[in-house]
Amino acid sequence: MKILTSTIRTFFTLILLLPVGTALAGEFSTVINGKSFHVGSQETWNEKNYGLGIEYQFETASKWKSLLVANGFRDSHDNMSYMAGGGLHRNIFTSESLHGAYVDLGLNAFLMTRVGVNGGNPFPGALPSLTVGNRYIGINVSYLPRAAIKRLTPKDSMDKNMKGVVFVQFKMSMSRLLPFQ
């Protein structure tokens, strides 16, 4: 029931933000959290990290891109987790073919809440990120290294074989799909 309530709240927030897209020159995207891969794990984790979020990329003429992100999703323990922060990404490939195909690499810094971490209070984090997409859709991939997992996970629930966690999100441009753009 909590995931339904959280999803409804996130969706309602997205609807409220739609008109803001015309007032800002950047790019609004809806983020659909979907999958994680616990690399080398011997244990069973929730790898269906369903949830919703938003991403706003500020307009720039540079190869460097600044963005804001906020997400709510099911974590590896099947609890709701929330994060909000920003990122700095560098465009490493752009083409006008395939509707403006691109590849960006960067770092996202954020505050996050998780059940069982820091007493449920927000804690800071930073993850490397890769985005592959075009003007309409994209895939965000982030990586949580083993060292970070060891710092955040209680020793009694640590998977000694896990090398890291890869997170995959689907993003869809709202700015390009809205009729008033």
N, C-alpha and C. Protein backbone atom coordinates (compact mmCIF):
# COMPACT_ATOMS: atom_id res chain seq x y z
N MET A 1 0.81 -1.20 0.00
CA MET A 1 0.00 0.00 0.00
C MET A 1 0.86 1.27 0.00
N LYS A 2 2.03 1.20 0.70
CA LYS A 2 2.90 2.36 0.75
C LYS A 2 3.42 2.74 -0.63
N ILE A 3 3.76 1.72 -1.44
CA ILE A 3 4.27 2.03 -2.78
C ILE A 3 3.19 2.69 -3.63
N LEU A 4 1.94 2.27 -3.48
CA LEU A 4 0.85 2.88 -4.22
C LEU A 4 0.68 4.34 -3.81
N THR A 5 0.68 4.60 -2.51
CA THR A 5 0.54 5.97 -2.01
C THR A 5 1.71 6.83 -2.49
N SER A 6 2.92 6.31 -2.39
CA SER A 6 4.10 7.07 -2.82
C SER A 6 4.08 7.32 -4.32
N THR A 7 3.67 6.33 -5.08
CA THR A 7 3.59 6.48 -6.53
C THR A 7 2.55 7.52 -6.91
N ILE A 8 1.41 7.50 -6.25
CA ILE A 8 0.35 8.48 -6.52
C ILE A 8 0.85 9.89 -6.18
N ARG A 9 1.54 10.04 -5.06
CA ARG A 9 2.09 11.36 -4.69
C ARG A 9 3.10 11.85 -5.72
N THR A 10 3.99 10.96 -6.14
CA THR A 10 5.00 11.34 -7.14
C THR A 10 4.33 11.72 -8.45
N PHE A 11 3.37 10.93 -8.89
CA PHE A 11 2.66 11.21 -10.14
C PHE A 11 1.92 12.54 -10.05
N PHE A 12 1.27 12.82 -8.92
CA PHE A 12 0.55 14.08 -8.72
C PHE A 12 1.53 15.25 -8.78
N THR A 13 2.70 15.09 -8.16
CA THR A 13 3.73 16.14 -8.20
C THR A 13 4.18 16.38 -9.64
N LEU A 14 4.37 15.30 -10.40
CA LEU A 14 4.77 15.44 -11.80
C LEU A 14 3.73 16.22 -12.59
N ILE A 15 2.45 15.92 -12.37
CA ILE A 15 1.38 16.63 -13.07
C ILE A 15 1.41 18.12 -12.72
N LEU A 16 1.64 18.43 -11.44
CA LEU A 16 1.71 19.83 -11.03
C LEU A 16 2.90 20.55 -11.66
N LEU A 17 3.97 19.83 -11.92
CA LEU A 17 5.17 20.44 -12.49
C LEU A 17 5.13 20.60 -14.00
N LEU A 18 4.21 19.95 -14.67
CA LEU A 18 4.17 20.01 -16.14
C LEU A 18 4.13 21.43 -16.68
N PRO A 19 3.28 22.33 -16.16
CA PRO A 19 3.26 23.69 -16.71
C PRO A 19 4.56 24.46 -16.46
N VAL A 20 5.34 24.07 -15.48
CA VAL A 20 6.59 24.75 -15.17
C VAL A 20 7.57 24.61 -16.33
N GLY A 21 7.46 23.53 -17.09
CA GLY A 21 8.37 23.27 -18.20
C GLY A 21 8.41 24.40 -19.21
N THR A 22 7.31 25.11 -19.41
CA THR A 22 7.30 26.20 -20.36
C THR A 22 8.00 27.44 -19.82
N ALA A 23 8.07 27.58 -18.50
CA ALA A 23 8.70 28.75 -17.90
C ALA A 23 10.21 28.60 -17.81
N LEU A 24 10.70 27.39 -17.86
CA LEU A 24 12.13 27.14 -17.75
C LEU A 24 12.67 26.67 -19.09
N ALA A 25 13.89 27.05 -19.39
CA ALA A 25 14.45 26.74 -20.70
C ALA A 25 15.08 25.36 -20.76
N GLY A 26 15.23 24.69 -19.64
CA GLY A 26 15.87 23.38 -19.61
C GLY A 26 14.95 22.26 -20.04
N GLU A 27 15.30 21.06 -19.64
CA GLU A 27 14.60 19.85 -20.06
C GLU A 27 14.07 19.08 -18.86
N PHE A 28 12.73 18.88 -18.80
CA PHE A 28 12.11 18.05 -17.78
C PHE A 28 11.93 16.64 -18.30
N SER A 29 12.25 15.65 -17.47
CA SER A 29 12.04 14.25 -17.82
C SER A 29 11.37 13.53 -16.67
N THR A 30 10.51 12.58 -17.00
CA THR A 30 9.97 11.65 -16.03
C THR A 30 10.93 10.48 -15.96
N VAL A 31 11.25 10.06 -14.75
CA VAL A 31 12.16 8.94 -14.55
C VAL A 31 11.36 7.76 -14.01
N ILE A 32 11.52 6.62 -14.66
CA ILE A 32 10.87 5.39 -14.20
C ILE A 32 11.98 4.46 -13.71
N ASN A 33 12.01 4.27 -12.40
CA ASN A 33 12.99 3.37 -11.81
C ASN A 33 12.56 1.94 -12.11
N GLY A 34 13.52 1.09 -12.45
CA GLY A 34 13.09 -0.22 -12.87
C GLY A 34 13.88 -1.40 -12.40
N LYS A 35 15.18 -1.36 -12.46
CA LYS A 35 15.94 -2.59 -12.27
C LYS A 35 17.27 -2.31 -11.60
N SER A 36 17.70 -3.27 -10.78
CA SER A 36 19.05 -3.24 -10.23
C SER A 36 19.67 -4.62 -10.41
N PHE A 37 20.97 -4.64 -10.43
CA PHE A 37 21.72 -5.89 -10.55
C PHE A 37 22.74 -5.92 -9.43
N HIS A 38 22.63 -6.89 -8.55
CA HIS A 38 23.55 -7.06 -7.43
C HIS A 38 24.69 -7.96 -7.92
N VAL A 39 25.75 -7.33 -8.38
CA VAL A 39 26.84 -8.02 -9.07
C VAL A 39 27.56 -8.99 -8.12
N GLY A 40 27.61 -10.26 -8.50
CA GLY A 40 28.32 -11.28 -7.73
C GLY A 40 27.59 -11.77 -6.49
N SER A 41 26.37 -11.32 -6.26
CA SER A 41 25.65 -11.67 -5.05
C SER A 41 25.25 -13.15 -5.03
N GLN A 42 25.34 -13.74 -3.85
CA GLN A 42 24.89 -15.12 -3.63
C GLN A 42 23.49 -15.13 -3.00
N GLU A 43 22.99 -13.96 -2.64
CA GLU A 43 21.72 -13.87 -1.94
C GLU A 43 20.64 -13.34 -2.87
N THR A 44 19.40 -13.45 -2.41
CA THR A 44 18.27 -12.97 -3.19
C THR A 44 17.90 -11.57 -2.71
N TRP A 45 17.93 -10.62 -3.62
CA TRP A 45 17.58 -9.23 -3.31
C TRP A 45 16.43 -8.82 -4.22
N ASN A 46 15.70 -7.81 -3.80
CA ASN A 46 14.69 -7.24 -4.69
C ASN A 46 15.44 -6.48 -5.78
N GLU A 47 15.30 -6.92 -7.00
CA GLU A 47 15.94 -6.23 -8.12
C GLU A 47 14.92 -5.53 -9.01
N LYS A 48 13.66 -5.51 -8.57
CA LYS A 48 12.61 -4.77 -9.26
C LYS A 48 12.39 -3.48 -8.47
N ASN A 49 13.16 -2.48 -8.79
CA ASN A 49 13.16 -1.23 -8.03
C ASN A 49 12.18 -0.22 -8.61
N TYR A 50 10.92 -0.62 -8.68
CA TYR A 50 9.89 0.22 -9.30
C TYR A 50 9.69 1.51 -8.52
N GLY A 51 9.46 2.58 -9.27
CA GLY A 51 9.20 3.87 -8.68
C GLY A 51 9.22 4.95 -9.74
N LEU A 52 8.94 6.17 -9.31
CA LEU A 52 8.89 7.31 -10.22
C LEU A 52 9.76 8.44 -9.71
N GLY A 53 10.14 9.29 -10.64
CA GLY A 53 10.92 10.46 -10.27
C GLY A 53 10.91 11.49 -11.37
N ILE A 54 11.65 12.55 -11.13
CA ILE A 54 11.78 13.62 -12.12
C ILE A 54 13.26 13.97 -12.26
N GLU A 55 13.58 14.51 -13.41
CA GLU A 55 14.93 15.00 -13.68
C GLU A 55 14.79 16.31 -14.44
N TYR A 56 15.51 17.32 -14.01
CA TYR A 56 15.53 18.59 -14.72
C TYR A 56 16.96 18.89 -15.11
N GLN A 57 17.19 19.05 -16.41
CA GLN A 57 18.52 19.39 -16.92
C GLN A 57 18.50 20.85 -17.35
N PHE A 58 19.38 21.65 -16.75
CA PHE A 58 19.47 23.06 -17.08
C PHE A 58 19.97 23.23 -18.51
N GLU A 59 19.47 24.27 -19.17
CA GLU A 59 19.92 24.56 -20.53
C GLU A 59 21.38 24.99 -20.50
N THR A 60 22.14 24.52 -21.48
CA THR A 60 23.55 24.88 -21.56
C THR A 60 24.03 24.76 -23.01
N ALA A 61 25.01 25.57 -23.36
CA ALA A 61 25.65 25.45 -24.67
C ALA A 61 26.96 24.67 -24.54
N SER A 62 27.34 24.36 -23.31
CA SER A 62 28.57 23.65 -23.01
C SER A 62 28.36 22.14 -23.10
N LYS A 63 29.46 21.40 -23.13
CA LYS A 63 29.38 19.94 -23.05
C LYS A 63 29.09 19.48 -21.63
N TRP A 64 29.23 20.38 -20.65
CA TRP A 64 28.91 20.06 -19.25
C TRP A 64 27.44 20.34 -19.00
N LYS A 65 26.76 19.41 -18.36
CA LYS A 65 25.32 19.53 -18.09
C LYS A 65 25.08 19.42 -16.59
N SER A 66 24.31 20.38 -16.06
CA SER A 66 23.90 20.34 -14.65
C SER A 66 22.46 19.87 -14.59
N LEU A 67 22.15 19.06 -13.58
CA LEU A 67 20.78 18.58 -13.47
C LEU A 67 20.36 18.41 -12.02
N LEU A 68 19.04 18.40 -11.82
CA LEU A 68 18.43 18.13 -10.53
C LEU A 68 17.62 16.85 -10.67
N VAL A 69 17.61 16.03 -9.61
CA VAL A 69 16.89 14.76 -9.65
C VAL A 69 16.14 14.53 -8.34
N ALA A 70 15.03 13.81 -8.42
CA ALA A 70 14.28 13.37 -7.24
C ALA A 70 13.55 12.08 -7.62
N ASN A 71 13.63 11.08 -6.74
CA ASN A 71 13.05 9.77 -7.02
C ASN A 71 12.50 9.12 -5.76
N GLY A 72 11.50 8.28 -5.95
CA GLY A 72 11.02 7.37 -4.92
C GLY A 72 10.96 5.99 -5.55
N PHE A 73 11.49 4.96 -4.88
CA PHE A 73 11.55 3.63 -5.49
C PHE A 73 11.66 2.55 -4.42
N ARG A 74 11.38 1.31 -4.81
CA ARG A 74 11.54 0.14 -3.95
C ARG A 74 13.02 -0.22 -3.93
N ASP A 75 13.59 -0.37 -2.73
CA ASP A 75 15.01 -0.68 -2.65
C ASP A 75 15.26 -2.19 -2.65
N SER A 76 16.49 -2.57 -2.41
CA SER A 76 16.89 -3.98 -2.45
C SER A 76 16.21 -4.83 -1.38
N HIS A 77 15.74 -4.19 -0.31
CA HIS A 77 15.02 -4.90 0.76
C HIS A 77 13.51 -4.79 0.59
N ASP A 78 13.06 -4.26 -0.54
CA ASP A 78 11.64 -4.09 -0.86
C ASP A 78 10.97 -3.02 0.01
N ASN A 79 11.76 -2.06 0.50
CA ASN A 79 11.23 -0.91 1.22
C ASN A 79 11.30 0.31 0.32
N MET A 80 10.45 1.30 0.58
CA MET A 80 10.51 2.54 -0.18
C MET A 80 11.74 3.35 0.24
N SER A 81 12.44 3.87 -0.75
CA SER A 81 13.58 4.77 -0.54
C SER A 81 13.34 6.02 -1.36
N TYR A 82 13.86 7.13 -0.86
CA TYR A 82 13.67 8.41 -1.54
C TYR A 82 15.02 9.12 -1.65
N MET A 83 15.22 9.82 -2.76
CA MET A 83 16.46 10.58 -2.93
C MET A 83 16.19 11.85 -3.71
N ALA A 84 16.99 12.88 -3.42
CA ALA A 84 16.93 14.14 -4.16
C ALA A 84 18.33 14.73 -4.18
N GLY A 85 18.70 15.28 -5.33
CA GLY A 85 20.03 15.86 -5.43
C GLY A 85 20.28 16.48 -6.78
N GLY A 86 21.54 16.51 -7.15
CA GLY A 86 21.93 17.11 -8.42
C GLY A 86 23.10 16.38 -9.02
N GLY A 87 23.38 16.71 -10.26
CA GLY A 87 24.48 16.04 -10.94
C GLY A 87 25.21 16.97 -11.89
N LEU A 88 26.41 16.58 -12.21
CA LEU A 88 27.21 17.26 -13.22
C LEU A 88 27.69 16.18 -14.19
N HIS A 89 27.27 16.29 -15.44
CA HIS A 89 27.57 15.28 -16.45
C HIS A 89 28.27 15.93 -17.64
N ARG A 90 29.12 15.18 -18.27
CA ARG A 90 29.84 15.65 -19.46
C ARG A 90 29.36 14.86 -20.66
N ASN A 91 28.99 15.57 -21.70
CA ASN A 91 28.59 14.91 -22.94
C ASN A 91 29.85 14.39 -23.62
N ILE A 92 29.85 13.07 -23.93
CA ILE A 92 31.02 12.50 -24.60
C ILE A 92 30.72 12.08 -26.04
N PHE A 93 29.44 12.08 -26.41
CA PHE A 93 29.06 11.76 -27.79
C PHE A 93 27.71 12.38 -28.09
N THR A 94 27.60 13.01 -29.25
CA THR A 94 26.33 13.57 -29.73
C THR A 94 26.25 13.35 -31.23
N SER A 95 25.05 13.05 -31.70
CA SER A 95 24.81 12.89 -33.13
C SER A 95 23.40 13.38 -33.43
N GLU A 96 23.21 13.95 -34.58
CA GLU A 96 21.86 14.35 -34.97
C GLU A 96 21.05 13.17 -35.49
N SER A 97 21.73 12.07 -35.81
CA SER A 97 20.98 10.88 -36.23
C SER A 97 20.29 10.27 -35.00
N LEU A 98 19.30 9.44 -35.25
CA LEU A 98 18.52 8.80 -34.19
C LEU A 98 17.91 9.83 -33.24
N HIS A 99 17.41 10.92 -33.78
CA HIS A 99 16.74 11.98 -33.01
C HIS A 99 17.64 12.61 -31.95
N GLY A 100 18.90 12.82 -32.29
CA GLY A 100 19.81 13.49 -31.36
C GLY A 100 20.43 12.55 -30.35
N ALA A 101 20.92 11.42 -30.78
CA ALA A 101 21.53 10.43 -29.88
C ALA A 101 22.70 11.06 -29.12
N TYR A 102 22.85 10.65 -27.85
CA TYR A 102 23.94 11.18 -27.03
C TYR A 102 24.37 10.16 -25.98
N VAL A 103 25.56 10.37 -25.45
CA VAL A 103 26.09 9.61 -24.31
C VAL A 103 26.70 10.63 -23.36
N ASP A 104 26.30 10.58 -22.09
CA ASP A 104 26.83 11.46 -21.05
C ASP A 104 27.40 10.62 -19.91
N LEU A 105 28.49 11.11 -19.32
CA LEU A 105 29.08 10.50 -18.12
C LEU A 105 29.14 11.57 -17.04
N GLY A 106 28.87 11.18 -15.79
CA GLY A 106 28.93 12.18 -14.74
C GLY A 106 28.83 11.61 -13.35
N LEU A 107 28.54 12.50 -12.42
CA LEU A 107 28.42 12.16 -11.02
C LEU A 107 27.16 12.82 -10.47
N ASN A 108 26.36 12.05 -9.73
CA ASN A 108 25.18 12.57 -9.06
C ASN A 108 25.43 12.56 -7.56
N ALA A 109 25.21 13.69 -6.90
CA ALA A 109 25.29 13.79 -5.44
C ALA A 109 23.88 14.00 -4.92
N PHE A 110 23.57 13.42 -3.76
CA PHE A 110 22.17 13.42 -3.31
C PHE A 110 22.06 13.20 -1.81
N LEU A 111 20.87 13.45 -1.32
CA LEU A 111 20.46 13.03 0.02
C LEU A 111 19.44 11.91 -0.19
N MET A 112 19.53 10.87 0.63
CA MET A 112 18.67 9.71 0.45
C MET A 112 18.17 9.23 1.80
N THR A 113 16.98 8.65 1.82
CA THR A 113 16.47 7.98 3.01
C THR A 113 16.25 6.51 2.68
N ARG A 114 16.62 5.65 3.63
CA ARG A 114 16.41 4.20 3.50
C ARG A 114 16.10 3.63 4.86
N VAL A 115 15.19 2.68 4.89
CA VAL A 115 14.91 1.96 6.12
C VAL A 115 16.18 1.22 6.52
N GLY A 116 16.57 1.33 7.79
CA GLY A 116 17.74 0.60 8.27
C GLY A 116 19.07 1.29 8.06
N VAL A 117 19.07 2.46 7.44
CA VAL A 117 20.32 3.20 7.24
C VAL A 117 20.17 4.56 7.91
N ASN A 118 21.10 4.89 8.80
CA ASN A 118 21.12 6.18 9.49
C ASN A 118 19.81 6.45 10.24
N GLY A 119 19.22 5.41 10.79
CA GLY A 119 17.97 5.57 11.55
C GLY A 119 16.82 6.08 10.71
N GLY A 120 16.88 5.87 9.40
CA GLY A 120 15.81 6.34 8.50
C GLY A 120 15.93 7.81 8.15
N ASN A 121 16.98 8.47 8.67
CA ASN A 121 17.20 9.89 8.39
C ASN A 121 17.99 10.05 7.09
N PRO A 122 17.87 11.21 6.43
CA PRO A 122 18.61 11.43 5.19
C PRO A 122 20.12 11.32 5.40
N PHE A 123 20.78 10.74 4.42
CA PHE A 123 22.24 10.64 4.43
C PHE A 123 22.75 11.02 3.04
N PRO A 124 23.97 11.56 2.96
CA PRO A 124 24.51 11.98 1.66
C PRO A 124 25.09 10.80 0.89
N GLY A 125 25.11 10.95 -0.42
CA GLY A 125 25.72 9.95 -1.29
C GLY A 125 26.14 10.58 -2.60
N ALA A 126 26.96 9.87 -3.34
CA ALA A 126 27.38 10.30 -4.67
C ALA A 126 27.67 9.05 -5.48
N LEU A 127 27.15 9.00 -6.70
CA LEU A 127 27.34 7.83 -7.57
C LEU A 127 27.73 8.25 -8.98
N PRO A 128 28.61 7.49 -9.61
CA PRO A 128 28.88 7.73 -11.03
C PRO A 128 27.66 7.35 -11.86
N SER A 129 27.49 8.03 -12.98
CA SER A 129 26.30 7.83 -13.79
C SER A 129 26.63 7.87 -15.27
N LEU A 130 25.94 7.05 -16.03
CA LEU A 130 26.04 7.01 -17.49
C LEU A 130 24.63 7.16 -18.04
N THR A 131 24.45 8.04 -19.01
CA THR A 131 23.15 8.20 -19.67
C THR A 131 23.35 8.02 -21.17
N VAL A 132 22.50 7.19 -21.76
CA VAL A 132 22.48 6.98 -23.20
C VAL A 132 21.05 7.26 -23.64
N GLY A 133 20.88 8.14 -24.63
CA GLY A 133 19.53 8.46 -25.05
C GLY A 133 19.48 9.32 -26.28
N ASN A 134 18.31 9.94 -26.46
CA ASN A 134 18.12 10.93 -27.52
C ASN A 134 17.19 12.00 -26.98
N ARG A 135 16.64 12.84 -27.85
CA ARG A 135 15.80 13.95 -27.39
C ARG A 135 14.53 13.50 -26.68
N TYR A 136 14.11 12.26 -26.87
CA TYR A 136 12.83 11.79 -26.36
C TYR A 136 12.93 10.80 -25.20
N ILE A 137 13.87 9.88 -25.28
CA ILE A 137 13.99 8.84 -24.25
C ILE A 137 15.45 8.62 -23.91
N GLY A 138 15.68 7.96 -22.77
CA GLY A 138 17.04 7.64 -22.38
C GLY A 138 17.07 6.58 -21.30
N ILE A 139 18.26 6.08 -21.07
CA ILE A 139 18.52 5.11 -20.01
C ILE A 139 19.61 5.70 -19.11
N ASN A 140 19.33 5.78 -17.81
CA ASN A 140 20.32 6.19 -16.82
C ASN A 140 20.85 4.93 -16.14
N VAL A 141 22.16 4.83 -16.00
CA VAL A 141 22.77 3.71 -15.31
C VAL A 141 23.72 4.28 -14.25
N SER A 142 23.53 3.85 -13.00
CA SER A 142 24.40 4.28 -11.90
C SER A 142 25.02 3.05 -11.25
N TYR A 143 26.15 3.26 -10.58
CA TYR A 143 26.86 2.15 -9.96
C TYR A 143 27.18 2.48 -8.50
N LEU A 144 26.81 1.57 -7.60
CA LEU A 144 27.13 1.68 -6.19
C LEU A 144 28.25 0.67 -5.90
N PRO A 145 29.47 1.15 -5.64
CA PRO A 145 30.59 0.22 -5.44
C PRO A 145 30.52 -0.50 -4.09
N ARG A 146 31.24 -1.60 -4.00
CA ARG A 146 31.26 -2.43 -2.80
C ARG A 146 31.66 -1.63 -1.55
N ALA A 147 32.61 -0.72 -1.68
CA ALA A 147 33.06 0.07 -0.52
C ALA A 147 31.90 0.86 0.08
N ALA A 148 31.06 1.43 -0.76
CA ALA A 148 29.90 2.19 -0.26
C ALA A 148 28.88 1.26 0.37
N ILE A 149 28.68 0.09 -0.21
CA ILE A 149 27.74 -0.88 0.36
C ILE A 149 28.20 -1.28 1.76
N LYS A 150 29.49 -1.52 1.94
CA LYS A 150 30.03 -1.91 3.25
C LYS A 150 29.81 -0.82 4.30
N ARG A 151 29.94 0.44 3.89
CA ARG A 151 29.74 1.55 4.84
C ARG A 151 28.29 1.71 5.23
N LEU A 152 27.36 1.41 4.32
CA LEU A 152 25.94 1.68 4.56
C LEU A 152 25.16 0.48 5.09
N THR A 153 25.69 -0.71 4.94
CA THR A 153 24.93 -1.91 5.27
C THR A 153 25.36 -2.46 6.63
N PRO A 154 24.39 -2.77 7.49
CA PRO A 154 24.74 -3.43 8.76
C PRO A 154 25.48 -4.75 8.48
N LYS A 155 26.50 -5.05 9.29
CA LYS A 155 27.34 -6.23 9.04
C LYS A 155 26.55 -7.53 8.99
N ASP A 156 25.48 -7.62 9.77
CA ASP A 156 24.71 -8.87 9.79
C ASP A 156 23.90 -9.11 8.51
N SER A 157 23.73 -8.08 7.68
CA SER A 157 22.99 -8.27 6.43
C SER A 157 23.87 -8.03 5.20
N MET A 158 25.18 -7.96 5.40
CA MET A 158 26.12 -7.73 4.30
C MET A 158 26.35 -9.02 3.51
N ASP A 159 26.25 -8.93 2.21
CA ASP A 159 26.54 -10.04 1.30
C ASP A 159 28.03 -9.96 0.94
N LYS A 160 28.83 -10.87 1.47
CA LYS A 160 30.29 -10.83 1.29
C LYS A 160 30.71 -11.00 -0.16
N ASN A 161 29.86 -11.60 -0.98
CA ASN A 161 30.21 -11.86 -2.38
C ASN A 161 29.84 -10.72 -3.32
N MET A 162 29.02 -9.78 -2.85
CA MET A 162 28.54 -8.71 -3.72
C MET A 162 29.67 -7.74 -4.05
N LYS A 163 29.84 -7.48 -5.34
CA LYS A 163 30.89 -6.58 -5.81
C LYS A 163 30.40 -5.14 -5.99
N GLY A 164 29.10 -4.97 -6.08
CA GLY A 164 28.50 -3.66 -6.29
C GLY A 164 27.08 -3.82 -6.78
N VAL A 165 26.41 -2.70 -6.96
CA VAL A 165 25.03 -2.72 -7.45
C VAL A 165 24.93 -1.74 -8.63
N VAL A 166 24.35 -2.21 -9.71
CA VAL A 166 24.09 -1.39 -10.89
C VAL A 166 22.60 -1.07 -10.91
N PHE A 167 22.25 0.21 -11.03
CA PHE A 167 20.86 0.66 -11.09
C PHE A 167 20.55 1.14 -12.50
N VAL A 168 19.37 0.79 -12.99
CA VAL A 168 18.95 1.20 -14.33
C VAL A 168 17.61 1.92 -14.23
N GLN A 169 17.54 3.09 -14.87
CA GLN A 169 16.31 3.88 -14.93
C GLN A 169 16.00 4.19 -16.39
N PHE A 170 14.72 4.30 -16.69
CA PHE A 170 14.26 4.74 -18.00
C PHE A 170 13.81 6.18 -17.83
N LYS A 171 14.17 7.06 -18.76
CA LYS A 171 13.68 8.43 -18.66
C LYS A 171 13.03 8.85 -19.97
N MET A 172 12.00 9.66 -19.83
CA MET A 172 11.23 10.12 -20.98
C MET A 172 11.08 11.63 -20.88
N SER A 173 11.46 12.32 -21.94
CA SER A 173 11.38 13.78 -21.96
C SER A 173 9.93 14.23 -21.90
N MET A 174 9.61 15.02 -20.93
CA MET A 174 8.27 15.61 -20.84
C MET A 174 8.23 16.91 -21.63
N SER A 175 9.33 17.65 -21.64
CA SER A 175 9.37 18.94 -22.33
C SER A 175 9.10 18.78 -23.82
N ARG A 176 9.62 17.74 -24.44
CA ARG A 176 9.45 17.54 -25.88
C ARG A 176 8.09 16.95 -26.23
N LEU A 177 7.45 16.29 -25.29
CA LEU A 177 6.17 15.63 -25.57
C LEU A 177 4.96 16.49 -25.27
N LEU A 178 5.17 17.56 -24.51
CA LEU A 178 4.04 18.41 -24.13
C LEU A 178 3.56 19.22 -25.32
N PRO A 179 2.25 19.39 -25.46
CA PRO A 179 1.70 20.09 -26.63
C PRO A 179 2.02 21.57 -26.68
N PHE A 180 2.36 22.19 -25.53
CA PHE A 180 2.59 23.64 -25.54
C PHE A 180 4.05 23.99 -25.69
N GLN A 181 4.89 23.06 -26.09
CA GLN A 181 6.31 23.35 -26.31
C GLN A 181 6.51 23.87 -27.71
